[in-house]
Amino acid sequence: MGGDRYAWGSVQIIGLGVAAAGLLLAFVWQERRAAEPILPLGLFGDPVFVVVSAGLFIATLSLFAAIVFLPLFLQLVTGASATQSGLLTLPLLLASALSTIVSGRVMAATGRYKIFPVVGLALMGLGLLLFSTLEASSSNLSAAAYMVVFGLGFGMVIQVLMVVIQNAVDSRDIGTATASANLFRALGGSVGVAMYGAIFTSGLRYWLPRRLSGHLPPGVSPHGIQASPGRIHSLAPAVQHGIAQAVASALHDVFLTAAPIAYVGFVVVLFLRERPLRMGGASQSEKTGAKGAVRAGS
C-alpha cells in the first residue's frame, strides 16, 4: 500500500509502522514474562544463534527477489508462458539442490561448515548483480547461467545454517531453536515480497509512461501487469515491447536492491563461530549421524 494506495507519509502508513513497532515491543515484553515463551529470549545470548538467525533472514530475503521476480521477467520480458517460465527456472532449483547435497556431504565428512554460508551469500549477491543486467534482448541461456550462480550460492546457505543452529544449542532446545530459525526464514520471505513488490510497483509507475510515450492503453497498469502478466501478449507488438522495456528497468532496481542485502548477509556470517559438530568427524558412525542431521535440516 505504501506509495501506491497511500502516500508513504500518510496517517495509514505511519500508523502501520507505529503499530508494528508497538506490537514488537509488546511481544518482547510478553516473552520475557512468559513461563514457556514461544521464542525464548535467552537464545539471543548465544552469538551463533544471533548470526544464524540474521543469516537466515537475509538469505531468504534475497531469495525472494529471485524466485518471485525472475518468472515475471521471463513472462513479461522474454514472452514465456506461465508454464515455460516455471520450467526456465529449473537451473536455479537444480543448482541449489546440487550444492545443498555437496555441502552437506563435505560438512558431514570434515565437520567444517563456516565456508559454505560465506561463499554461498557471496555467490547469491553475484547472481543478483547478474540478474540486474538482464534486458529485453537478453537470451534465456544468459538468464539460466545467472540462475546457476545464484542457485549454487543459495544451496550452501539455508540448510547448512539450520544444522549449525541445531548444533549450537543444547539438545533440549533443538526443537525450539529450529522453530525460531524457521520463524526468521518466514519473516525474511514476508518482508522480501513486500519490499521488492513496492520497489517493482514504483519502478513500473515511473517507467511505463516513459516507455509507452506517455500513453497507457486501457487495462495497462502496474497492478494489472503483475496480476495478469499473460494478458500483455494480446496487445499490439509496440505496446508489448514498451511494457517489456519498462518491466526490465523496474526489475533492474529490484535486483540492485537485493544484491547489497545479500552482501550484508555475507558480512554477517563472517562473524559465525565455528564449533565442532556433535556428530561429525571422528568415526563412521559419527559421520553417519552428521549426515542424518543434514537431512533433518533439509
C-alpha atoms as a PDB file:
ATOM      1  CA  MET A   1       0.000   0.000   0.000  1.00  0.00           C
ATOM      2  CA  GLY A   2       2.919   2.360   0.655  1.00  0.00           C
ATOM      3  CA  GLY A   3       3.485   4.742  -2.240  1.00  0.00           C
ATOM      4  CA  ASP A   4       0.568   3.139  -4.105  1.00  0.00           C
ATOM      5  CA  ARG A   5      -2.789   3.301  -2.341  1.00  0.00           C
ATOM      6  CA  TYR A   6      -1.446   5.670   0.314  1.00  0.00           C
ATOM      7  CA  ALA A   7       1.474   8.080   0.397  1.00  0.00           C
ATOM      8  CA  TRP A   8       4.471   6.999   2.462  1.00  0.00           C
ATOM      9  CA  GLY A   9       3.860   9.923   4.810  1.00  0.00           C
ATOM     10  CA  SER A  10       0.145   9.258   5.191  1.00  0.00           C
ATOM     11  CA  VAL A  11      -1.564   8.526   8.500  1.00  0.00           C
ATOM     12  CA  GLN A  12      -2.341   4.979   7.346  1.00  0.00           C
ATOM     13  CA  ILE A  13       1.264   4.022   6.517  1.00  0.00           C
ATOM     14  CA  ILE A  14       2.829   5.780   9.507  1.00  0.00           C
ATOM     15  CA  GLY A  15       0.156   4.225  11.708  1.00  0.00           C
ATOM     16  CA  LEU A  16       1.014   0.740  10.444  1.00  0.00           C
ATOM     17  CA  GLY A  17       4.687   1.384  11.164  1.00  0.00           C
ATOM     18  CA  VAL A  18       3.966   2.591  14.691  1.00  0.00           C
ATOM     19  CA  ALA A  19       1.644  -0.379  15.275  1.00  0.00           C
ATOM     20  CA  ALA A  20       4.349  -2.790  14.084  1.00  0.00           C
ATOM     21  CA  ALA A  21       6.916  -1.274  16.454  1.00  0.00           C
ATOM     22  CA  GLY A  22       4.437  -1.310  19.347  1.00  0.00           C
ATOM     23  CA  LEU A  23       3.468  -4.937  18.730  1.00  0.00           C
ATOM     24  CA  LEU A  24       7.141  -5.940  18.576  1.00  0.00           C
ATOM     25  CA  LEU A  25       7.790  -4.314  21.959  1.00  0.00           C
ATOM     26  CA  ALA A  26       4.681  -5.985  23.385  1.00  0.00           C
ATOM     27  CA  PHE A  27       5.852  -9.343  22.042  1.00  0.00           C
ATOM     28  CA  VAL A  28       9.276  -8.951  23.680  1.00  0.00           C
ATOM     29  CA  TRP A  29       7.645  -7.930  26.981  1.00  0.00           C
ATOM     30  CA  GLN A  30       5.339 -10.935  26.886  1.00  0.00           C
ATOM     31  CA  GLU A  31       8.158 -13.343  26.022  1.00  0.00           C
ATOM     32  CA  ARG A  32      10.234 -12.051  28.944  1.00  0.00           C
ATOM     33  CA  ARG A  33       7.461 -12.789  31.434  1.00  0.00           C
ATOM     34  CA  ALA A  34       6.017 -15.999  29.964  1.00  0.00           C
ATOM     35  CA  ALA A  35       6.772 -19.268  31.760  1.00  0.00           C
ATOM     36  CA  GLU A  36       7.096 -21.084  28.418  1.00  0.00           C
ATOM     37  CA  PRO A  37       7.829 -18.425  25.778  1.00  0.00           C
ATOM     38  CA  ILE A  38       7.285 -19.101  22.089  1.00  0.00           C
ATOM     39  CA  LEU A  39      10.657 -17.506  21.332  1.00  0.00           C
ATOM     40  CA  PRO A  40      12.926 -17.782  24.389  1.00  0.00           C
ATOM     41  CA  LEU A  41      14.902 -14.553  24.511  1.00  0.00           C
ATOM     42  CA  GLY A  42      17.743 -16.383  26.205  1.00  0.00           C
ATOM     43  CA  LEU A  43      18.636 -17.881  22.836  1.00  0.00           C
ATOM     44  CA  PHE A  44      19.821 -14.454  21.738  1.00  0.00           C
ATOM     45  CA  GLY A  45      22.585 -14.707  24.325  1.00  0.00           C
ATOM     46  CA  ASP A  46      24.267 -17.240  22.034  1.00  0.00           C
ATOM     47  CA  PRO A  47      26.219 -15.393  19.301  1.00  0.00           C
ATOM     48  CA  VAL A  48      25.867 -18.373  16.959  1.00  0.00           C
ATOM     49  CA  PHE A  49      22.077 -18.216  17.233  1.00  0.00           C
ATOM     50  CA  VAL A  50      22.114 -14.477  16.546  1.00  0.00           C
ATOM     51  CA  VAL A  51      24.375 -14.773  13.493  1.00  0.00           C
ATOM     52  CA  VAL A  52      22.495 -17.756  12.081  1.00  0.00           C
ATOM     53  CA  SER A  53      19.085 -16.120  12.596  1.00  0.00           C
ATOM     54  CA  ALA A  54      20.282 -12.956  10.854  1.00  0.00           C
ATOM     55  CA  GLY A  55      21.857 -15.022   8.076  1.00  0.00           C
ATOM     56  CA  LEU A  56      18.654 -16.994   7.500  1.00  0.00           C
ATOM     57  CA  PHE A  57      16.560 -13.820   7.446  1.00  0.00           C
ATOM     58  CA  ILE A  58      18.840 -12.114   4.915  1.00  0.00           C
ATOM     59  CA  ALA A  59      19.313 -15.192   2.721  1.00  0.00           C
ATOM     60  CA  THR A  60      15.555 -15.743   2.456  1.00  0.00           C
ATOM     61  CA  LEU A  61      15.045 -12.021   1.879  1.00  0.00           C
ATOM     62  CA  SER A  62      17.487 -12.235  -1.045  1.00  0.00           C
ATOM     63  CA  LEU A  63      15.956 -15.475  -2.339  1.00  0.00           C
ATOM     64  CA  PHE A  64      12.523 -13.940  -2.826  1.00  0.00           C
ATOM     65  CA  ALA A  65      13.926 -11.312  -5.164  1.00  0.00           C
ATOM     66  CA  ALA A  66      14.838 -14.193  -7.473  1.00  0.00           C
ATOM     67  CA  ILE A  67      12.002 -16.690  -7.148  1.00  0.00           C
ATOM     68  CA  VAL A  68       9.218 -14.093  -7.281  1.00  0.00           C
ATOM     69  CA  PHE A  69      10.530 -11.733  -9.950  1.00  0.00           C
ATOM     70  CA  LEU A  70      12.508 -13.968 -12.303  1.00  0.00           C
ATOM     71  CA  PRO A  71       9.283 -15.663 -13.513  1.00  0.00           C
ATOM     72  CA  LEU A  72       7.836 -12.178 -14.083  1.00  0.00           C
ATOM     73  CA  PHE A  73      10.886 -11.274 -16.147  1.00  0.00           C
ATOM     74  CA  LEU A  74      10.577 -14.438 -18.206  1.00  0.00           C
ATOM     75  CA  GLN A  75       6.866 -13.884 -18.856  1.00  0.00           C
ATOM     76  CA  LEU A  76       6.756 -10.145 -19.378  1.00  0.00           C
ATOM     77  CA  VAL A  77      10.134  -9.518 -20.982  1.00  0.00           C
ATOM     78  CA  THR A  78      11.031 -12.684 -22.890  1.00  0.00           C
ATOM     79  CA  GLY A  79       7.427 -13.662 -23.721  1.00  0.00           C
ATOM     80  CA  ALA A  80       7.428 -17.068 -21.997  1.00  0.00           C
ATOM     81  CA  SER A  81       4.149 -18.581 -20.841  1.00  0.00           C
ATOM     82  CA  ALA A  82       3.473 -19.254 -17.162  1.00  0.00           C
ATOM     83  CA  THR A  83       4.405 -22.924 -17.627  1.00  0.00           C
ATOM     84  CA  GLN A  84       7.523 -22.095 -19.610  1.00  0.00           C
ATOM     85  CA  SER A  85       8.663 -19.552 -17.013  1.00  0.00           C
ATOM     86  CA  GLY A  86       8.407 -22.231 -14.343  1.00  0.00           C
ATOM     87  CA  LEU A  87      10.466 -24.651 -16.424  1.00  0.00           C
ATOM     88  CA  LEU A  88      13.026 -21.973 -17.228  1.00  0.00           C
ATOM     89  CA  THR A  89      13.767 -21.508 -13.506  1.00  0.00           C
ATOM     90  CA  LEU A  90      14.823 -25.162 -13.194  1.00  0.00           C
ATOM     91  CA  PRO A  91      18.554 -24.266 -13.448  1.00  0.00           C
ATOM     92  CA  LEU A  92      18.229 -22.317 -10.196  1.00  0.00           C
ATOM     93  CA  LEU A  93      16.463 -25.166  -8.407  1.00  0.00           C
ATOM     94  CA  LEU A  94      18.780 -27.891  -9.721  1.00  0.00           C
ATOM     95  CA  ALA A  95      21.910 -25.900  -8.890  1.00  0.00           C
ATOM     96  CA  SER A  96      20.554 -25.251  -5.396  1.00  0.00           C
ATOM     97  CA  ALA A  97      19.800 -28.943  -4.839  1.00  0.00           C
ATOM     98  CA  LEU A  98      23.247 -29.950  -6.075  1.00  0.00           C
ATOM     99  CA  SER A  99      25.143 -27.524  -3.850  1.00  0.00           C
ATOM    100  CA  THR A 100      22.977 -28.477  -0.848  1.00  0.00           C
ATOM    101  CA  ILE A 101      23.893 -32.147  -1.294  1.00  0.00           C
ATOM    102  CA  VAL A 102      27.595 -31.477  -1.860  1.00  0.00           C
ATOM    103  CA  SER A 103      27.950 -29.015   1.034  1.00  0.00           C
ATOM    104  CA  GLY A 104      26.080 -31.392   3.356  1.00  0.00           C
ATOM    105  CA  ARG A 105      28.358 -34.295   2.490  1.00  0.00           C
ATOM    106  CA  VAL A 106      31.520 -32.235   2.854  1.00  0.00           C
ATOM    107  CA  MET A 107      30.310 -30.844   6.176  1.00  0.00           C
ATOM    108  CA  ALA A 108      29.491 -34.337   7.437  1.00  0.00           C
ATOM    109  CA  ALA A 109      32.913 -35.628   6.391  1.00  0.00           C
ATOM    110  CA  THR A 110      35.028 -32.750   7.692  1.00  0.00           C
ATOM    111  CA  GLY A 111      32.979 -31.185  10.485  1.00  0.00           C
ATOM    112  CA  ARG A 112      33.642 -27.739   8.977  1.00  0.00           C
ATOM    113  CA  TYR A 113      30.830 -25.513   7.831  1.00  0.00           C
ATOM    114  CA  LYS A 114      31.581 -21.771   8.016  1.00  0.00           C
ATOM    115  CA  ILE A 115      32.982 -21.602   4.491  1.00  0.00           C
ATOM    116  CA  PHE A 116      29.660 -22.640   2.950  1.00  0.00           C
ATOM    117  CA  PRO A 117      27.399 -19.750   4.025  1.00  0.00           C
ATOM    118  CA  VAL A 118      30.247 -17.289   3.421  1.00  0.00           C
ATOM    119  CA  VAL A 119      30.785 -18.447  -0.164  1.00  0.00           C
ATOM    120  CA  GLY A 120      27.062 -19.030  -0.656  1.00  0.00           C
ATOM    121  CA  LEU A 121      25.973 -15.491   0.207  1.00  0.00           C
ATOM    122  CA  ALA A 122      28.801 -14.079  -1.921  1.00  0.00           C
ATOM    123  CA  LEU A 123      27.516 -16.111  -4.888  1.00  0.00           C
ATOM    124  CA  MET A 124      23.920 -15.047  -4.180  1.00  0.00           C
ATOM    125  CA  GLY A 125      24.986 -11.408  -4.265  1.00  0.00           C
ATOM    126  CA  LEU A 126      26.870 -12.004  -7.514  1.00  0.00           C
ATOM    127  CA  GLY A 127      23.856 -13.757  -9.020  1.00  0.00           C
ATOM    128  CA  LEU A 128      21.580 -10.848  -8.130  1.00  0.00           C
ATOM    129  CA  LEU A 129      24.029  -8.394  -9.703  1.00  0.00           C
ATOM    130  CA  LEU A 130      23.992 -10.539 -12.844  1.00  0.00           C
ATOM    131  CA  PHE A 131      20.178 -10.572 -12.804  1.00  0.00           C
ATOM    132  CA  SER A 132      20.251  -6.768 -12.781  1.00  0.00           C
ATOM    133  CA  THR A 133      21.996  -6.821 -16.168  1.00  0.00           C
ATOM    134  CA  LEU A 134      19.143  -8.724 -17.854  1.00  0.00           C
ATOM    135  CA  GLU A 135      17.434  -6.737 -20.580  1.00  0.00           C
ATOM    136  CA  ALA A 136      14.635  -7.319 -23.065  1.00  0.00           C
ATOM    137  CA  SER A 137      17.283  -8.527 -25.534  1.00  0.00           C
ATOM    138  CA  SER A 138      18.901 -10.997 -23.094  1.00  0.00           C
ATOM    139  CA  SER A 139      18.764 -14.671 -24.029  1.00  0.00           C
ATOM    140  CA  ASN A 140      17.280 -17.449 -21.916  1.00  0.00           C
ATOM    141  CA  LEU A 141      20.736 -19.038 -21.863  1.00  0.00           C
ATOM    142  CA  SER A 142      22.190 -15.978 -20.116  1.00  0.00           C
ATOM    143  CA  ALA A 143      19.363 -15.985 -17.593  1.00  0.00           C
ATOM    144  CA  ALA A 144      19.900 -19.721 -16.972  1.00  0.00           C
ATOM    145  CA  ALA A 145      23.637 -19.213 -16.386  1.00  0.00           C
ATOM    146  CA  TYR A 146      22.944 -16.449 -13.863  1.00  0.00           C
ATOM    147  CA  MET A 147      20.382 -18.685 -12.138  1.00  0.00           C
ATOM    148  CA  VAL A 148      23.017 -21.405 -11.745  1.00  0.00           C
ATOM    149  CA  VAL A 149      25.341 -18.923  -9.986  1.00  0.00           C
ATOM    150  CA  PHE A 150      22.581 -17.816  -7.632  1.00  0.00           C
ATOM    151  CA  GLY A 151      21.309 -21.361  -7.031  1.00  0.00           C
ATOM    152  CA  LEU A 152      24.764 -22.724  -6.205  1.00  0.00           C
ATOM    153  CA  GLY A 153      25.111 -19.988  -3.613  1.00  0.00           C
ATOM    154  CA  PHE A 154      21.687 -20.430  -2.063  1.00  0.00           C
ATOM    155  CA  GLY A 155      22.160 -24.174  -1.700  1.00  0.00           C
ATOM    156  CA  MET A 156      25.186 -23.576   0.531  1.00  0.00           C
ATOM    157  CA  VAL A 157      23.355 -21.341   2.971  1.00  0.00           C
ATOM    158  CA  ILE A 158      19.940 -22.295   4.310  1.00  0.00           C
ATOM    159  CA  GLN A 159      20.307 -25.984   5.153  1.00  0.00           C
ATOM    160  CA  VAL A 160      23.861 -25.570   6.434  1.00  0.00           C
ATOM    161  CA  LEU A 161      22.769 -22.766   8.765  1.00  0.00           C
ATOM    162  CA  MET A 162      19.855 -24.890  10.002  1.00  0.00           C
ATOM    163  CA  VAL A 163      22.290 -27.640  11.003  1.00  0.00           C
ATOM    164  CA  VAL A 164      24.625 -25.067  12.574  1.00  0.00           C
ATOM    165  CA  ILE A 165      21.866 -23.699  14.801  1.00  0.00           C
ATOM    166  CA  GLN A 166      20.823 -27.216  15.850  1.00  0.00           C
ATOM    167  CA  ASN A 167      24.453 -27.961  16.673  1.00  0.00           C
ATOM    168  CA  ALA A 168      24.904 -24.779  18.718  1.00  0.00           C
ATOM    169  CA  VAL A 169      22.112 -25.215  21.273  1.00  0.00           C
ATOM    170  CA  ASP A 170      21.571 -27.799  23.985  1.00  0.00           C
ATOM    171  CA  SER A 171      19.813 -30.973  22.928  1.00  0.00           C
ATOM    172  CA  ARG A 172      16.670 -29.998  24.844  1.00  0.00           C
ATOM    173  CA  ASP A 173      16.468 -26.718  22.896  1.00  0.00           C
ATOM    174  CA  ILE A 174      16.913 -28.127  19.374  1.00  0.00           C
ATOM    175  CA  GLY A 175      13.193 -28.063  18.607  1.00  0.00           C
ATOM    176  CA  THR A 176      12.763 -24.518  19.878  1.00  0.00           C
ATOM    177  CA  ALA A 177      15.875 -23.278  18.068  1.00  0.00           C
ATOM    178  CA  THR A 178      14.815 -24.918  14.801  1.00  0.00           C
ATOM    179  CA  ALA A 179      11.333 -23.394  15.032  1.00  0.00           C
ATOM    180  CA  SER A 180      12.835 -19.995  15.836  1.00  0.00           C
ATOM    181  CA  ALA A 181      15.156 -20.257  12.839  1.00  0.00           C
ATOM    182  CA  ASN A 182      12.184 -21.091  10.630  1.00  0.00           C
ATOM    183  CA  LEU A 183      10.431 -18.007  12.020  1.00  0.00           C
ATOM    184  CA  PHE A 184      13.253 -15.797  10.776  1.00  0.00           C
ATOM    185  CA  ARG A 185      13.159 -17.537   7.402  1.00  0.00           C
ATOM    186  CA  ALA A 186       9.427 -16.845   7.155  1.00  0.00           C
ATOM    187  CA  LEU A 187       9.928 -13.219   8.182  1.00  0.00           C
ATOM    188  CA  GLY A 188      12.597 -12.834   5.520  1.00  0.00           C
ATOM    189  CA  GLY A 189      10.202 -14.095   2.875  1.00  0.00           C
ATOM    190  CA  SER A 190       7.359 -11.856   4.049  1.00  0.00           C
ATOM    191  CA  VAL A 191       9.499  -8.739   4.225  1.00  0.00           C
ATOM    192  CA  GLY A 192      11.121  -9.589   0.886  1.00  0.00           C
ATOM    193  CA  VAL A 193       7.845  -9.913  -1.005  1.00  0.00           C
ATOM    194  CA  ALA A 194       6.516  -6.647   0.444  1.00  0.00           C
ATOM    195  CA  MET A 195       9.705  -4.640  -0.028  1.00  0.00           C
ATOM    196  CA  TYR A 196      10.578  -5.828  -3.521  1.00  0.00           C
ATOM    197  CA  GLY A 197       6.943  -5.587  -4.572  1.00  0.00           C
ATOM    198  CA  ALA A 198       6.892  -1.929  -3.522  1.00  0.00           C
ATOM    199  CA  ILE A 199      10.108  -1.257  -5.443  1.00  0.00           C
ATOM    200  CA  PHE A 200       8.816  -3.041  -8.536  1.00  0.00           C
ATOM    201  CA  THR A 201       5.462  -1.238  -8.496  1.00  0.00           C
ATOM    202  CA  SER A 202       7.171   2.099  -8.021  1.00  0.00           C
ATOM    203  CA  GLY A 203       9.505   1.301 -10.913  1.00  0.00           C
ATOM    204  CA  LEU A 204       6.614   0.404 -13.192  1.00  0.00           C
ATOM    205  CA  ARG A 205       4.817   3.647 -12.325  1.00  0.00           C
ATOM    206  CA  TYR A 206       7.939   5.540 -13.366  1.00  0.00           C
ATOM    207  CA  TRP A 207       8.923   3.573 -16.462  1.00  0.00           C
ATOM    208  CA  LEU A 208       5.598   2.642 -18.099  1.00  0.00           C
ATOM    209  CA  PRO A 209       4.662   6.190 -19.185  1.00  0.00           C
ATOM    210  CA  ARG A 210       8.208   6.748 -20.467  1.00  0.00           C
ATOM    211  CA  ARG A 211       8.407   3.508 -22.445  1.00  0.00           C
ATOM    212  CA  LEU A 212       4.894   3.962 -23.854  1.00  0.00           C
ATOM    213  CA  SER A 213       5.334   7.627 -24.843  1.00  0.00           C
ATOM    214  CA  GLY A 214       3.132   8.844 -22.006  1.00  0.00           C
ATOM    215  CA  HIS A 215       0.064   6.910 -23.138  1.00  0.00           C
ATOM    216  CA  LEU A 216      -1.073   3.831 -21.192  1.00  0.00           C
ATOM    217  CA  PRO A 217      -3.549   1.643 -23.104  1.00  0.00           C
ATOM    218  CA  PRO A 218      -6.733   0.661 -21.230  1.00  0.00           C
ATOM    219  CA  GLY A 219      -6.032  -2.000 -18.625  1.00  0.00           C
ATOM    220  CA  VAL A 220      -2.268  -1.445 -18.637  1.00  0.00           C
ATOM    221  CA  SER A 221      -1.163  -0.546 -15.109  1.00  0.00           C
ATOM    222  CA  PRO A 222       1.399  -1.773 -12.576  1.00  0.00           C
ATOM    223  CA  HIS A 223      -1.281  -3.809 -10.782  1.00  0.00           C
ATOM    224  CA  GLY A 224      -2.723  -5.195 -13.992  1.00  0.00           C
ATOM    225  CA  ILE A 225       0.660  -6.281 -15.279  1.00  0.00           C
ATOM    226  CA  GLN A 226       1.513  -8.102 -12.058  1.00  0.00           C
ATOM    227  CA  ALA A 227      -1.908  -9.698 -11.654  1.00  0.00           C
ATOM    228  CA  SER A 228      -2.284 -10.907 -15.260  1.00  0.00           C
ATOM    229  CA  PRO A 229       1.128 -10.964 -16.949  1.00  0.00           C
ATOM    230  CA  GLY A 230      -0.115 -13.204 -19.764  1.00  0.00           C
ATOM    231  CA  ARG A 231      -2.599 -10.543 -20.859  1.00  0.00           C
ATOM    232  CA  ILE A 232       0.059  -8.319 -22.421  1.00  0.00           C
ATOM    233  CA  HIS A 233       0.614 -10.870 -25.196  1.00  0.00           C
ATOM    234  CA  SER A 234      -2.766  -9.879 -26.635  1.00  0.00           C
ATOM    235  CA  LEU A 235      -1.709  -6.243 -27.008  1.00  0.00           C
ATOM    236  CA  ALA A 236      -0.141  -4.598 -30.035  1.00  0.00           C
ATOM    237  CA  PRO A 237       3.546  -5.513 -30.616  1.00  0.00           C
ATOM    238  CA  ALA A 238       4.695  -1.935 -29.985  1.00  0.00           C
ATOM    239  CA  VAL A 239       2.865  -1.863 -26.657  1.00  0.00           C
ATOM    240  CA  GLN A 240       4.274  -5.263 -25.697  1.00  0.00           C
ATOM    241  CA  HIS A 241       7.787  -4.025 -26.470  1.00  0.00           C
ATOM    242  CA  GLY A 242       7.304  -0.897 -24.349  1.00  0.00           C
ATOM    243  CA  ILE A 243       5.948  -2.898 -21.421  1.00  0.00           C
ATOM    244  CA  ALA A 244       8.850  -5.352 -21.685  1.00  0.00           C
ATOM    245  CA  GLN A 245      11.349  -2.500 -21.507  1.00  0.00           C
ATOM    246  CA  ALA A 246       9.524  -0.924 -18.546  1.00  0.00           C
ATOM    247  CA  VAL A 247       9.455  -4.238 -16.665  1.00  0.00           C
ATOM    248  CA  ALA A 248      13.144  -4.861 -17.340  1.00  0.00           C
ATOM    249  CA  SER A 249      14.013  -1.409 -15.991  1.00  0.00           C
ATOM    250  CA  ALA A 250      11.842  -1.872 -12.882  1.00  0.00           C
ATOM    251  CA  LEU A 251      13.362  -5.295 -12.185  1.00  0.00           C
ATOM    252  CA  HIS A 252      16.804  -3.774 -12.570  1.00  0.00           C
ATOM    253  CA  ASP A 253      16.071  -1.730  -9.434  1.00  0.00           C
ATOM    254  CA  VAL A 254      14.726  -4.777  -7.571  1.00  0.00           C
ATOM    255  CA  PHE A 255      17.849  -6.848  -8.181  1.00  0.00           C
ATOM    256  CA  LEU A 256      20.194  -3.935  -7.483  1.00  0.00           C
ATOM    257  CA  THR A 257      18.463  -3.513  -4.117  1.00  0.00           C
ATOM    258  CA  ALA A 258      18.653  -7.223  -3.299  1.00  0.00           C
ATOM    259  CA  ALA A 259      22.348  -7.648  -4.169  1.00  0.00           C
ATOM    260  CA  PRO A 260      23.736  -5.382  -1.389  1.00  0.00           C
ATOM    261  CA  ILE A 261      21.376  -7.075   1.069  1.00  0.00           C
ATOM    262  CA  ALA A 262      22.940 -10.437   0.189  1.00  0.00           C
ATOM    263  CA  TYR A 263      26.390  -8.946   0.762  1.00  0.00           C
ATOM    264  CA  VAL A 264      25.255  -7.670   4.164  1.00  0.00           C
ATOM    265  CA  GLY A 265      24.466 -11.321   4.913  1.00  0.00           C
ATOM    266  CA  PHE A 266      27.955 -12.219   3.681  1.00  0.00           C
ATOM    267  CA  VAL A 267      29.460  -9.819   6.234  1.00  0.00           C
ATOM    268  CA  VAL A 268      27.182 -11.147   8.990  1.00  0.00           C
ATOM    269  CA  VAL A 269      28.195 -14.796   8.520  1.00  0.00           C
ATOM    270  CA  LEU A 270      31.868 -13.829   8.630  1.00  0.00           C
ATOM    271  CA  PHE A 271      31.256 -13.465  12.393  1.00  0.00           C
ATOM    272  CA  LEU A 272      29.954 -17.032  12.668  1.00  0.00           C
ATOM    273  CA  ARG A 273      31.847 -19.018  15.286  1.00  0.00           C
ATOM    274  CA  GLU A 274      32.649 -22.480  14.014  1.00  0.00           C
ATOM    275  CA  ARG A 275      32.081 -25.121  16.669  1.00  0.00           C
ATOM    276  CA  PRO A 276      32.772 -28.857  16.352  1.00  0.00           C
ATOM    277  CA  LEU A 277      29.783 -30.757  15.036  1.00  0.00           C
ATOM    278  CA  ARG A 278      28.393 -33.090  17.657  1.00  0.00           C
ATOM    279  CA  MET A 279      28.112 -35.919  15.177  1.00  0.00           C
ATOM    280  CA  GLY A 280      30.875 -35.033  12.756  1.00  0.00           C
ATOM    281  CA  GLY A 281      34.356 -36.158  12.037  1.00  0.00           C
ATOM    282  CA  ALA A 282      35.980 -38.955  14.077  1.00  0.00           C
ATOM    283  CA  SER A 283      34.224 -42.199  13.248  1.00  0.00           C
ATOM    284  CA  GLN A 284      31.998 -43.648  10.590  1.00  0.00           C
ATOM    285  CA  SER A 285      29.055 -43.735  12.995  1.00  0.00           C
ATOM    286  CA  GLU A 286      29.599 -40.078  13.826  1.00  0.00           C
ATOM    287  CA  LYS A 287      29.740 -39.184  10.122  1.00  0.00           C
ATOM    288  CA  THR A 288      26.530 -41.057   9.549  1.00  0.00           C
ATOM    289  CA  GLY A 289      24.921 -39.099  12.374  1.00  0.00           C
ATOM    290  CA  ALA A 290      26.045 -35.808  10.900  1.00  0.00           C
ATOM    291  CA  LYS A 291      24.588 -36.735   7.539  1.00  0.00           C
ATOM    292  CA  GLY A 292      21.366 -37.527   9.343  1.00  0.00           C
ATOM    293  CA  ALA A 293      21.440 -34.072  10.910  1.00  0.00           C
ATOM    294  CA  VAL A 294      21.891 -32.509   7.492  1.00  0.00           C
ATOM    295  CA  ARG A 295      18.897 -34.457   6.189  1.00  0.00           C
ATOM    296  CA  ALA A 296      16.899 -33.379   9.234  1.00  0.00           C
ATOM    297  CA  GLY A 297      17.770 -29.791   8.496  1.00  0.00           C
ATOM    298  CA  SER A 298      16.529 -30.273   4.967  1.00  0.00           C
END
